[in-house]
Amino acid sequence: MNTDTKIVIGTVIVCVFLLLGGIIYFSNDKTPQRENLGTASMTIDKKFEDFGSMKGDEEKTATFTITNTSASSVLRIWGISTSCNCTAAAVVIDGRETGEFNMPAHMNTTLKNWIGEVPAEGKALLKVTYKPKVMPVVGVVTRQVRFSTNDPKNPEVEVSVKANVL
């Protein structure tokens, strides 16, 4: 075998190992596993709010109250994401507010991996802010926020806000 052939074969082998390593690394599921987070039960005061008419340069915020109805279990909330970059969400637990959750592609790793813990019989606030100037539209729009919980009856929760942008 000549030197050029050895270089080509070596390059192909290195590329295959890099490709396999990348596949293994990026396919590793890093999301919280519900079965490892215990079980709780929750209620939410509403799943929809209509902001009515608003101007394109206004911002409006809806607050949804999440209640941990468990007498002794911690309610865990994670995987918060919005349906559009024009919508942001934040969670308040025990007076501490998170940063702004958004579409997964626009969030930092800390927020993507955040897990909130609501104590037994405690409450959390989910604040959803619609900012039409980020993605200008005119007319009626509805935007969603989704999150996961360790409540087997509510493993995935979605709330919506609606506005008529003038």
N, C-alpha and C. Protein backbone atom coordinates (compact mmCIF):
# COMPACT_ATOMS: atom_id res chain seq x y z
N MET A 1 0.83 -1.17 0.00
CA MET A 1 0.00 0.00 0.00
C MET A 1 0.88 1.24 0.00
N ASN A 2 0.53 2.17 -0.86
CA ASN A 2 1.34 3.39 -0.89
C ASN A 2 0.86 4.39 0.17
N THR A 3 1.61 5.44 0.36
CA THR A 3 1.34 6.43 1.41
C THR A 3 0.00 7.13 1.20
N ASP A 4 -0.34 7.48 -0.04
CA ASP A 4 -1.62 8.15 -0.30
C ASP A 4 -2.81 7.28 0.10
N THR A 5 -2.75 6.01 -0.17
CA THR A 5 -3.84 5.09 0.19
C THR A 5 -3.97 5.00 1.71
N LYS A 6 -2.84 4.93 2.40
CA LYS A 6 -2.87 4.86 3.87
C LYS A 6 -3.48 6.13 4.46
N ILE A 7 -3.17 7.28 3.90
CA ILE A 7 -3.73 8.55 4.37
C ILE A 7 -5.24 8.57 4.15
N VAL A 8 -5.70 8.14 3.01
CA VAL A 8 -7.12 8.12 2.70
C VAL A 8 -7.85 7.17 3.65
N ILE A 9 -7.32 5.97 3.84
CA ILE A 9 -7.95 4.99 4.73
C ILE A 9 -7.96 5.53 6.17
N GLY A 10 -6.87 6.11 6.61
CA GLY A 10 -6.81 6.69 7.95
C GLY A 10 -7.82 7.80 8.13
N THR A 11 -7.96 8.66 7.13
CA THR A 11 -8.92 9.75 7.19
C THR A 11 -10.35 9.22 7.26
N VAL A 12 -10.65 8.21 6.48
CA VAL A 12 -11.99 7.60 6.50
C VAL A 12 -12.28 7.00 7.87
N ILE A 13 -11.32 6.30 8.46
CA ILE A 13 -11.51 5.69 9.78
C ILE A 13 -11.75 6.77 10.84
N VAL A 14 -10.97 7.83 10.82
CA VAL A 14 -11.15 8.92 11.78
C VAL A 14 -12.53 9.55 11.61
N CYS A 15 -12.94 9.78 10.38
CA CYS A 15 -14.26 10.38 10.11
C CYS A 15 -15.38 9.48 10.62
N VAL A 16 -15.26 8.18 10.42
CA VAL A 16 -16.29 7.24 10.89
C VAL A 16 -16.38 7.30 12.42
N PHE A 17 -15.23 7.30 13.11
CA PHE A 17 -15.25 7.39 14.57
C PHE A 17 -15.84 8.72 15.05
N LEU A 18 -15.51 9.81 14.41
CA LEU A 18 -16.08 11.11 14.78
C LEU A 18 -17.59 11.13 14.56
N LEU A 19 -18.03 10.58 13.44
CA LEU A 19 -19.45 10.52 13.13
C LEU A 19 -20.20 9.66 14.15
N LEU A 20 -19.69 8.50 14.47
CA LEU A 20 -20.32 7.63 15.45
C LEU A 20 -20.34 8.28 16.83
N GLY A 21 -19.24 8.92 17.21
CA GLY A 21 -19.19 9.61 18.49
C GLY A 21 -20.21 10.72 18.57
N GLY A 22 -20.36 11.48 17.50
CA GLY A 22 -21.36 12.55 17.46
C GLY A 22 -22.77 12.01 17.56
N ILE A 23 -23.04 10.93 16.87
CA ILE A 23 -24.37 10.31 16.93
C ILE A 23 -24.68 9.85 18.35
N ILE A 24 -23.74 9.19 18.98
CA ILE A 24 -23.94 8.71 20.35
C ILE A 24 -24.14 9.88 21.31
N TYR A 25 -23.30 10.90 21.19
CA TYR A 25 -23.39 12.05 22.09
C TYR A 25 -24.72 12.79 21.94
N PHE A 26 -25.12 13.10 20.71
CA PHE A 26 -26.31 13.91 20.49
C PHE A 26 -27.61 13.12 20.63
N SER A 27 -27.55 11.80 20.56
CA SER A 27 -28.77 11.02 20.73
C SER A 27 -29.01 10.65 22.18
N ASN A 28 -28.09 10.98 23.07
CA ASN A 28 -28.24 10.70 24.48
C ASN A 28 -29.35 11.58 25.05
N ASP A 29 -30.44 10.97 25.48
CA ASP A 29 -31.60 11.70 26.00
C ASP A 29 -31.29 12.28 27.37
N LYS A 30 -31.21 13.61 27.44
CA LYS A 30 -30.86 14.28 28.69
C LYS A 30 -32.10 14.84 29.40
N THR A 31 -33.29 14.60 28.87
CA THR A 31 -34.49 15.14 29.49
C THR A 31 -34.80 14.35 30.77
N PRO A 32 -35.40 15.01 31.74
CA PRO A 32 -35.73 14.32 32.99
C PRO A 32 -36.67 13.14 32.71
N GLN A 33 -36.43 12.05 33.37
CA GLN A 33 -37.29 10.89 33.21
C GLN A 33 -38.36 10.94 34.29
N ARG A 34 -39.60 10.99 33.86
CA ARG A 34 -40.72 11.16 34.77
C ARG A 34 -40.69 10.13 35.90
N GLU A 35 -40.33 8.89 35.60
CA GLU A 35 -40.36 7.85 36.62
C GLU A 35 -39.31 8.09 37.72
N ASN A 36 -38.34 8.94 37.47
CA ASN A 36 -37.32 9.26 38.47
C ASN A 36 -37.66 10.51 39.28
N LEU A 37 -38.77 11.15 38.98
CA LEU A 37 -39.11 12.41 39.63
C LEU A 37 -40.27 12.30 40.61
N GLY A 38 -40.67 11.09 40.95
CA GLY A 38 -41.77 10.91 41.89
C GLY A 38 -43.10 11.23 41.23
N THR A 39 -44.16 11.17 42.04
CA THR A 39 -45.48 11.52 41.51
C THR A 39 -46.14 12.53 42.44
N ALA A 40 -46.92 13.37 41.86
CA ALA A 40 -47.66 14.40 42.59
C ALA A 40 -48.98 14.58 41.86
N SER A 41 -49.77 15.52 42.32
CA SER A 41 -50.99 15.87 41.60
C SER A 41 -51.11 17.39 41.59
N MET A 42 -51.73 17.89 40.54
CA MET A 42 -51.80 19.34 40.36
C MET A 42 -53.13 19.76 39.76
N THR A 43 -53.43 21.04 39.93
CA THR A 43 -54.52 21.67 39.22
C THR A 43 -53.98 23.00 38.68
N ILE A 44 -54.66 23.52 37.69
CA ILE A 44 -54.32 24.83 37.14
C ILE A 44 -55.62 25.62 37.04
N ASP A 45 -55.58 26.89 37.42
CA ASP A 45 -56.81 27.66 37.53
C ASP A 45 -57.51 27.92 36.19
N LYS A 46 -56.76 27.92 35.11
CA LYS A 46 -57.34 28.12 33.77
C LYS A 46 -56.30 27.65 32.75
N LYS A 47 -56.74 27.45 31.54
CA LYS A 47 -55.81 27.06 30.48
C LYS A 47 -55.85 28.02 29.30
N PHE A 48 -56.59 29.11 29.44
CA PHE A 48 -56.75 30.05 28.33
C PHE A 48 -57.01 31.45 28.86
N GLU A 49 -56.41 32.43 28.18
CA GLU A 49 -56.74 33.83 28.48
C GLU A 49 -56.80 34.60 27.17
N ASP A 50 -57.86 35.40 27.03
CA ASP A 50 -58.05 36.24 25.86
C ASP A 50 -57.66 37.67 26.23
N PHE A 51 -56.62 38.18 25.57
CA PHE A 51 -56.15 39.54 25.84
C PHE A 51 -57.03 40.59 25.17
N GLY A 52 -57.91 40.17 24.28
CA GLY A 52 -58.73 41.13 23.55
C GLY A 52 -57.87 41.84 22.50
N SER A 53 -58.24 43.06 22.17
CA SER A 53 -57.49 43.83 21.17
C SER A 53 -56.26 44.46 21.79
N MET A 54 -55.18 44.48 21.03
CA MET A 54 -53.95 45.14 21.49
C MET A 54 -53.17 45.65 20.29
N LYS A 55 -52.38 46.69 20.53
CA LYS A 55 -51.55 47.26 19.48
C LYS A 55 -50.30 46.39 19.29
N GLY A 56 -49.71 46.50 18.13
CA GLY A 56 -48.53 45.72 17.80
C GLY A 56 -47.32 46.01 18.66
N ASP A 57 -47.27 47.18 19.28
CA ASP A 57 -46.12 47.52 20.11
C ASP A 57 -46.40 47.32 21.61
N GLU A 58 -47.56 46.76 21.94
CA GLU A 58 -47.90 46.48 23.34
C GLU A 58 -47.41 45.09 23.74
N GLU A 59 -47.35 44.85 25.04
CA GLU A 59 -47.11 43.53 25.60
C GLU A 59 -48.17 43.29 26.65
N LYS A 60 -48.70 42.08 26.70
CA LYS A 60 -49.67 41.72 27.74
C LYS A 60 -49.25 40.40 28.36
N THR A 61 -49.54 40.29 29.67
CA THR A 61 -49.15 39.10 30.42
C THR A 61 -50.36 38.48 31.10
N ALA A 62 -50.47 37.17 30.98
CA ALA A 62 -51.49 36.39 31.69
C ALA A 62 -50.79 35.59 32.78
N THR A 63 -51.46 35.41 33.90
CA THR A 63 -50.91 34.62 35.00
C THR A 63 -51.80 33.41 35.24
N PHE A 64 -51.19 32.23 35.22
CA PHE A 64 -51.87 30.97 35.47
C PHE A 64 -51.36 30.44 36.80
N THR A 65 -52.26 30.02 37.68
CA THR A 65 -51.87 29.51 38.99
C THR A 65 -51.88 27.98 38.98
N ILE A 66 -50.73 27.41 39.26
CA ILE A 66 -50.57 25.95 39.33
C ILE A 66 -50.53 25.59 40.81
N THR A 67 -51.38 24.68 41.22
CA THR A 67 -51.44 24.28 42.63
C THR A 67 -51.03 22.82 42.76
N ASN A 68 -50.11 22.55 43.67
CA ASN A 68 -49.74 21.18 44.00
C ASN A 68 -50.78 20.69 44.99
N THR A 69 -51.65 19.80 44.57
CA THR A 69 -52.73 19.30 45.43
C THR A 69 -52.30 18.08 46.24
N SER A 70 -51.04 17.69 46.13
CA SER A 70 -50.52 16.57 46.93
C SER A 70 -50.30 17.02 48.36
N ALA A 71 -50.62 16.16 49.30
CA ALA A 71 -50.43 16.48 50.72
C ALA A 71 -48.98 16.30 51.15
N SER A 72 -48.23 15.45 50.41
CA SER A 72 -46.86 15.19 50.87
C SER A 72 -45.82 15.08 49.76
N SER A 73 -46.23 15.21 48.51
CA SER A 73 -45.29 15.06 47.38
C SER A 73 -44.94 16.39 46.75
N VAL A 74 -43.73 16.48 46.26
CA VAL A 74 -43.27 17.67 45.53
C VAL A 74 -43.75 17.58 44.09
N LEU A 75 -44.34 18.65 43.59
CA LEU A 75 -44.72 18.73 42.17
C LEU A 75 -43.53 19.28 41.41
N ARG A 76 -43.12 18.57 40.38
CA ARG A 76 -42.00 19.01 39.56
C ARG A 76 -42.53 19.46 38.19
N ILE A 77 -41.98 20.58 37.73
CA ILE A 77 -42.38 21.18 36.45
C ILE A 77 -41.10 21.35 35.63
N TRP A 78 -41.13 20.97 34.36
CA TRP A 78 -39.95 21.12 33.51
C TRP A 78 -40.38 21.16 32.04
N GLY A 79 -39.41 21.37 31.18
CA GLY A 79 -39.66 21.35 29.74
C GLY A 79 -40.57 22.46 29.27
N ILE A 80 -40.47 23.62 29.88
CA ILE A 80 -41.35 24.73 29.51
C ILE A 80 -40.88 25.30 28.17
N SER A 81 -41.83 25.43 27.25
CA SER A 81 -41.49 25.99 25.94
C SER A 81 -42.70 26.71 25.37
N THR A 82 -42.43 27.65 24.48
CA THR A 82 -43.49 28.43 23.85
C THR A 82 -43.59 28.06 22.38
N SER A 83 -44.73 28.39 21.78
CA SER A 83 -44.98 28.04 20.38
C SER A 83 -44.41 29.07 19.40
N CYS A 84 -43.98 30.22 19.92
CA CYS A 84 -43.49 31.27 19.04
C CYS A 84 -42.48 32.13 19.80
N ASN A 85 -41.53 32.68 19.12
CA ASN A 85 -40.54 33.55 19.74
C ASN A 85 -41.17 34.82 20.31
N CYS A 86 -42.39 35.13 19.88
CA CYS A 86 -43.09 36.32 20.36
C CYS A 86 -43.76 36.09 21.71
N THR A 87 -43.65 34.89 22.23
CA THR A 87 -44.28 34.54 23.50
C THR A 87 -43.20 34.09 24.47
N ALA A 88 -43.26 34.61 25.68
CA ALA A 88 -42.29 34.24 26.71
C ALA A 88 -43.05 33.75 27.94
N ALA A 89 -42.41 32.88 28.70
CA ALA A 89 -43.01 32.36 29.93
C ALA A 89 -41.99 32.44 31.05
N ALA A 90 -42.47 32.63 32.25
CA ALA A 90 -41.62 32.61 33.44
C ALA A 90 -42.42 31.93 34.54
N VAL A 91 -41.72 31.31 35.48
CA VAL A 91 -42.37 30.63 36.59
C VAL A 91 -41.92 31.28 37.89
N VAL A 92 -42.87 31.49 38.79
CA VAL A 92 -42.57 32.03 40.11
C VAL A 92 -42.93 30.97 41.15
N ILE A 93 -41.94 30.54 41.92
CA ILE A 93 -42.14 29.59 43.01
C ILE A 93 -41.51 30.19 44.26
N ASP A 94 -42.27 30.29 45.32
CA ASP A 94 -41.79 30.86 46.59
C ASP A 94 -41.14 32.23 46.39
N GLY A 95 -41.74 33.06 45.53
CA GLY A 95 -41.25 34.41 45.32
C GLY A 95 -40.04 34.52 44.40
N ARG A 96 -39.51 33.40 43.93
CA ARG A 96 -38.36 33.42 43.02
C ARG A 96 -38.83 33.19 41.59
N GLU A 97 -38.46 34.12 40.71
CA GLU A 97 -38.89 34.03 39.31
C GLU A 97 -37.73 33.55 38.43
N THR A 98 -38.07 32.66 37.52
CA THR A 98 -37.08 32.15 36.57
C THR A 98 -36.79 33.21 35.51
N GLY A 99 -35.87 32.90 34.64
CA GLY A 99 -35.67 33.70 33.43
C GLY A 99 -36.80 33.42 32.47
N GLU A 100 -36.69 33.96 31.25
CA GLU A 100 -37.75 33.80 30.25
C GLU A 100 -37.55 32.52 29.45
N PHE A 101 -38.55 31.65 29.53
CA PHE A 101 -38.60 30.46 28.68
C PHE A 101 -39.15 30.91 27.33
N ASN A 102 -38.71 30.24 26.28
CA ASN A 102 -39.12 30.59 24.94
C ASN A 102 -39.15 29.32 24.11
N MET A 103 -39.05 29.47 22.81
CA MET A 103 -38.92 28.30 21.95
C MET A 103 -37.59 27.63 22.29
N PRO A 104 -37.53 26.31 22.27
CA PRO A 104 -36.29 25.62 22.68
C PRO A 104 -35.04 26.10 21.95
N ALA A 105 -35.13 26.42 20.69
CA ALA A 105 -33.96 26.87 19.94
C ALA A 105 -33.44 28.22 20.40
N HIS A 106 -34.27 28.97 21.12
CA HIS A 106 -33.89 30.31 21.56
C HIS A 106 -33.56 30.40 23.05
N MET A 107 -33.61 29.26 23.76
CA MET A 107 -33.36 29.26 25.20
C MET A 107 -31.94 28.84 25.51
N ASN A 108 -31.43 29.35 26.63
CA ASN A 108 -30.11 28.89 27.06
C ASN A 108 -30.24 27.54 27.75
N THR A 109 -29.13 26.83 27.90
CA THR A 109 -29.12 25.48 28.44
C THR A 109 -29.66 25.42 29.86
N THR A 110 -29.37 26.43 30.66
CA THR A 110 -29.84 26.44 32.04
C THR A 110 -31.36 26.35 32.09
N LEU A 111 -32.05 27.12 31.25
CA LEU A 111 -33.51 27.08 31.25
C LEU A 111 -34.03 25.79 30.61
N LYS A 112 -33.35 25.29 29.58
CA LYS A 112 -33.79 24.04 28.97
C LYS A 112 -33.76 22.90 29.98
N ASN A 113 -32.80 22.92 30.89
CA ASN A 113 -32.63 21.85 31.87
C ASN A 113 -33.27 22.16 33.22
N TRP A 114 -33.99 23.28 33.34
CA TRP A 114 -34.58 23.70 34.60
C TRP A 114 -35.68 22.75 35.03
N ILE A 115 -35.72 22.43 36.31
CA ILE A 115 -36.82 21.68 36.91
C ILE A 115 -37.25 22.46 38.15
N GLY A 116 -38.50 22.89 38.14
CA GLY A 116 -39.04 23.61 39.29
C GLY A 116 -39.71 22.66 40.25
N GLU A 117 -39.62 22.97 41.53
CA GLU A 117 -40.22 22.13 42.56
C GLU A 117 -41.21 22.96 43.37
N VAL A 118 -42.47 22.54 43.32
CA VAL A 118 -43.53 23.19 44.07
C VAL A 118 -43.81 22.30 45.28
N PRO A 119 -43.62 22.84 46.50
CA PRO A 119 -43.83 22.02 47.68
C PRO A 119 -45.26 21.51 47.80
N ALA A 120 -45.44 20.46 48.59
CA ALA A 120 -46.77 19.91 48.83
C ALA A 120 -47.72 21.02 49.24
N GLU A 121 -48.88 21.04 48.61
CA GLU A 121 -49.93 22.03 48.83
C GLU A 121 -49.49 23.46 48.54
N GLY A 122 -48.38 23.61 47.80
CA GLY A 122 -47.89 24.92 47.42
C GLY A 122 -48.42 25.36 46.06
N LYS A 123 -48.04 26.57 45.67
CA LYS A 123 -48.48 27.13 44.39
C LYS A 123 -47.29 27.67 43.60
N ALA A 124 -47.46 27.68 42.29
CA ALA A 124 -46.52 28.32 41.38
C ALA A 124 -47.34 29.18 40.43
N LEU A 125 -46.73 30.26 39.97
CA LEU A 125 -47.37 31.10 38.97
C LEU A 125 -46.64 30.92 37.65
N LEU A 126 -47.40 30.72 36.61
CA LEU A 126 -46.86 30.68 35.25
C LEU A 126 -47.28 31.98 34.58
N LYS A 127 -46.30 32.83 34.28
CA LYS A 127 -46.58 34.12 33.65
C LYS A 127 -46.26 34.00 32.15
N VAL A 128 -47.27 34.26 31.32
CA VAL A 128 -47.13 34.15 29.87
C VAL A 128 -47.29 35.54 29.27
N THR A 129 -46.25 35.99 28.58
CA THR A 129 -46.26 37.33 27.99
C THR A 129 -46.25 37.22 26.47
N TYR A 130 -47.20 37.91 25.85
CA TYR A 130 -47.25 37.96 24.38
C TYR A 130 -46.71 39.30 23.93
N LYS A 131 -45.74 39.25 22.99
CA LYS A 131 -45.05 40.44 22.47
C LYS A 131 -45.17 40.46 20.95
N PRO A 132 -46.26 41.01 20.40
CA PRO A 132 -46.47 40.94 18.96
C PRO A 132 -45.39 41.64 18.13
N LYS A 133 -44.67 42.60 18.70
CA LYS A 133 -43.65 43.32 17.91
C LYS A 133 -42.48 42.40 17.54
N VAL A 134 -42.30 41.28 18.26
CA VAL A 134 -41.21 40.35 17.95
C VAL A 134 -41.47 39.64 16.62
N MET A 135 -42.70 39.24 16.40
CA MET A 135 -43.11 38.58 15.15
C MET A 135 -44.37 39.30 14.67
N PRO A 136 -44.20 40.44 13.99
CA PRO A 136 -45.36 41.27 13.66
C PRO A 136 -46.43 40.54 12.85
N VAL A 137 -47.65 40.62 13.37
CA VAL A 137 -48.82 40.08 12.69
C VAL A 137 -49.97 41.05 12.94
N VAL A 138 -51.01 40.91 12.14
CA VAL A 138 -52.23 41.68 12.35
C VAL A 138 -53.37 40.68 12.31
N GLY A 139 -54.29 40.84 13.26
CA GLY A 139 -55.43 39.94 13.32
C GLY A 139 -55.39 39.08 14.57
N VAL A 140 -56.24 38.07 14.58
CA VAL A 140 -56.38 37.20 15.73
C VAL A 140 -55.27 36.15 15.72
N VAL A 141 -54.58 36.03 16.85
CA VAL A 141 -53.52 35.02 17.00
C VAL A 141 -53.70 34.30 18.33
N THR A 142 -53.30 33.06 18.35
CA THR A 142 -53.29 32.26 19.58
C THR A 142 -51.90 31.65 19.71
N ARG A 143 -51.33 31.76 20.91
CA ARG A 143 -50.00 31.23 21.19
C ARG A 143 -50.08 30.30 22.40
N GLN A 144 -49.23 29.28 22.42
CA GLN A 144 -49.27 28.28 23.47
C GLN A 144 -47.97 28.24 24.27
N VAL A 145 -48.10 27.76 25.50
CA VAL A 145 -46.96 27.42 26.35
C VAL A 145 -47.23 26.00 26.84
N ARG A 146 -46.20 25.16 26.75
CA ARG A 146 -46.31 23.76 27.18
C ARG A 146 -45.30 23.48 28.27
N PHE A 147 -45.65 22.54 29.16
CA PHE A 147 -44.70 22.08 30.16
C PHE A 147 -45.06 20.67 30.60
N SER A 148 -44.08 20.00 31.19
CA SER A 148 -44.26 18.65 31.70
C SER A 148 -44.33 18.69 33.22
N THR A 149 -45.01 17.70 33.80
CA THR A 149 -45.08 17.58 35.26
C THR A 149 -44.93 16.11 35.65
N ASN A 150 -44.74 15.90 36.94
CA ASN A 150 -44.70 14.53 37.46
C ASN A 150 -46.07 14.10 38.00
N ASP A 151 -47.12 14.75 37.54
CA ASP A 151 -48.49 14.33 37.83
C ASP A 151 -48.91 13.35 36.74
N PRO A 152 -49.14 12.08 37.08
CA PRO A 152 -49.51 11.10 36.05
C PRO A 152 -50.79 11.46 35.29
N LYS A 153 -51.67 12.25 35.90
CA LYS A 153 -52.91 12.65 35.22
C LYS A 153 -52.70 13.88 34.34
N ASN A 154 -51.60 14.59 34.54
CA ASN A 154 -51.27 15.79 33.76
C ASN A 154 -49.79 15.77 33.37
N PRO A 155 -49.35 14.76 32.64
CA PRO A 155 -47.92 14.69 32.30
C PRO A 155 -47.47 15.82 31.39
N GLU A 156 -48.36 16.28 30.52
CA GLU A 156 -48.08 17.40 29.62
C GLU A 156 -49.23 18.38 29.76
N VAL A 157 -48.90 19.66 29.97
CA VAL A 157 -49.93 20.69 30.14
C VAL A 157 -49.68 21.77 29.09
N GLU A 158 -50.79 22.28 28.53
CA GLU A 158 -50.69 23.37 27.56
C GLU A 158 -51.67 24.46 27.96
N VAL A 159 -51.17 25.70 27.96
CA VAL A 159 -52.04 26.86 28.17
C VAL A 159 -51.92 27.74 26.94
N SER A 160 -52.94 28.57 26.70
CA SER A 160 -52.97 29.41 25.50
C SER A 160 -53.35 30.84 25.86
N VAL A 161 -52.82 31.75 25.06
CA VAL A 161 -53.27 33.15 25.10
C VAL A 161 -53.68 33.55 23.69
N LYS A 162 -54.68 34.43 23.64
CA LYS A 162 -55.22 34.88 22.36
C LYS A 162 -55.25 36.40 22.36
N ALA A 163 -55.01 36.99 21.20
CA ALA A 163 -55.09 38.44 21.07
C ALA A 163 -55.53 38.80 19.66
N ASN A 164 -56.16 39.95 19.56
CA ASN A 164 -56.47 40.53 18.26
C ASN A 164 -55.52 41.71 18.09
N VAL A 165 -54.49 41.50 17.28
CA VAL A 165 -53.47 42.52 17.09
C VAL A 165 -53.94 43.51 16.03
N LEU A 166 -53.97 44.78 16.42
CA LEU A 166 -54.46 45.84 15.52
C LEU A 166 -53.33 46.39 14.66
